[in-house]
Protein backbone atom coordinates (compact mmCIF):
# COMPACT_ATOMS: atom_id res chain seq x y z
CA MET A 1 99.36 -118.53 147.61
CA PHE A 2 102.21 -118.03 145.17
CA ILE A 3 103.25 -114.78 143.50
CA ARG A 4 105.69 -114.66 140.56
CA PHE A 5 107.60 -111.53 139.56
CA LEU A 6 110.52 -110.39 137.51
CA ILE A 7 113.63 -108.90 139.17
CA THR A 8 115.22 -106.63 136.58
CA LYS A 9 118.96 -106.09 136.08
CA GLN A 10 118.61 -102.94 138.14
CA GLY A 11 116.76 -104.78 140.95
CA GLY A 12 113.30 -103.41 140.23
CA ILE A 13 110.17 -105.55 140.45
CA GLU A 14 107.96 -105.97 137.38
CA GLN A 15 105.41 -108.38 135.90
CA VAL A 16 103.83 -109.32 139.24
CA LYS A 17 101.40 -112.24 138.74
CA VAL A 18 99.43 -114.58 140.98
CA LEU A 19 100.27 -118.23 140.28
CA LYS A 20 97.99 -119.76 142.91
CA GLY A 21 95.52 -117.39 144.49
CA VAL A 22 93.15 -117.30 147.48
CA SER A 23 90.46 -114.80 146.52
CA PRO A 24 90.32 -111.80 144.20
CA GLU A 25 90.62 -109.31 147.07
CA ILE A 26 93.56 -111.05 148.76
CA ASP A 27 95.26 -111.62 145.39
CA ALA A 28 95.01 -107.91 144.54
CA GLU A 29 96.45 -106.90 147.94
CA ALA A 30 99.35 -109.35 147.57
CA ILE A 31 100.14 -107.95 144.10
CA ARG A 32 100.04 -104.42 145.51
CA LEU A 33 102.41 -105.29 148.36
CA VAL A 34 104.92 -107.14 146.17
CA ALA A 35 104.91 -104.36 143.56
CA SER A 36 105.65 -101.79 146.28
CA MET A 37 108.65 -103.63 147.77
CA PRO A 38 112.06 -101.89 147.59
CA ASN A 39 114.58 -103.02 144.97
CA TRP A 40 116.09 -106.49 145.23
CA VAL A 41 119.64 -107.61 144.43
CA PRO A 42 119.48 -108.91 140.84
CA GLY A 43 120.60 -112.36 139.79
CA LYS A 44 124.03 -112.71 138.25
CA VAL A 45 125.45 -114.95 135.52
CA ASP A 46 129.22 -114.86 135.02
CA GLY A 47 129.37 -111.73 137.16
CA GLN A 48 126.83 -109.83 135.02
CA ALA A 49 123.45 -108.76 136.41
CA VAL A 50 120.53 -110.44 134.60
CA ASP A 51 116.75 -110.34 134.72
CA CYS A 52 115.30 -113.29 136.63
CA PHE A 53 111.92 -114.53 137.83
CA TYR A 54 111.21 -115.32 141.45
CA ASN A 55 108.31 -117.34 142.91
CA LEU A 56 107.32 -116.07 146.36
CA PRO A 57 105.13 -118.20 148.64
CA ILE A 58 102.82 -116.20 150.90
CA ASN A 59 101.03 -117.81 153.82
CA PHE A 60 97.96 -116.28 155.46
CA SER A 61 96.75 -117.02 158.93
CA VAL A 62 93.13 -116.40 159.81
CA ARG A 63 92.50 -115.69 163.50
């Protein structure tokens, strides 16, 4: 599964989207978890903070 989201200049997480999902229930939970993460360190270009997208792979293990 792959989740894509925007890291804002302030480090917040926005525009969470499933790129490659597993099932509607698992996709919804992954979106909920990513959206609730604490702030990230934003990307920088020439020393200035910028908005940037990040693709996050998530692996599930069924036991």
